[in-house]
Amino acid sequence: MYPRKAGDVSRYDWCRRILCCRPVEHRTPVSPCDGERHRRKVLSAQGPGLINDPNDLGQLTVCVIPLMFIFWQRKRRLRNTLFVILPVCILLFGTYLTHSRGALIALLAVAIVAARRRIGTAPALLAAGVLFVVAMAIHFTGGRSISADAGEDRTALWSEGLQIIKAHPVFGVGFGGFGDYTDGHLTRTTR
């Protein structure tokens, strides 16, 4: 499961020890044009138990980041560095290791909301745009794009889910019945 480069092993090993998560391999197209023929392995961090999906772990760490600033105290640099800045940096690095696109968007939303009162809405949006460009430059999403085409299957599933709700509003389709009402290639069934 670990990558072959020594630097990557130590990075993921460090993440595993500090954040209690482990690396997981995902296969992703090198570019949107390559399709299924040329796929490369992308490692992302995976949490234990209920947060074993990298996206869930990424969302959780993004939710915890603003909560860390509860401990911020004015004119206490050493305390703020040890108990706020350092843990936030560790959480940001853990979020980076998940390669979650949803976590990146949530992180940008948190940055906009946090910066809006201090610098205004337009500068906060501009700063979020710059953060997005930087995040894409450092391959925050593991080389996967953020576009409507990249989420096309998910959008189709949401559409079919809404149609199922309209057709079966009271009792639904039952536990595990969603796959019976959708295109088979979009859902994984484990029956």
Foldseek 3Di string as FASTA:
>chain_A
DFDPDPVRNVLQVVLCVPVVWHKDWDWDALDPVCPPPDIDIAIATAHPDPRRQLQSLLQVLLVCLVVQCVQDDPPPVVCCVVRRVVVSVSSVSNSLRSLHPVSLVSNLVVQQVVCCVPPHNVVSVVVSVVVVVVCVVVSSNRSDDDDCVSCVLVVQLVVQVVVQCVVPVPPTQDVQRSCVRDPVVSDDHDD
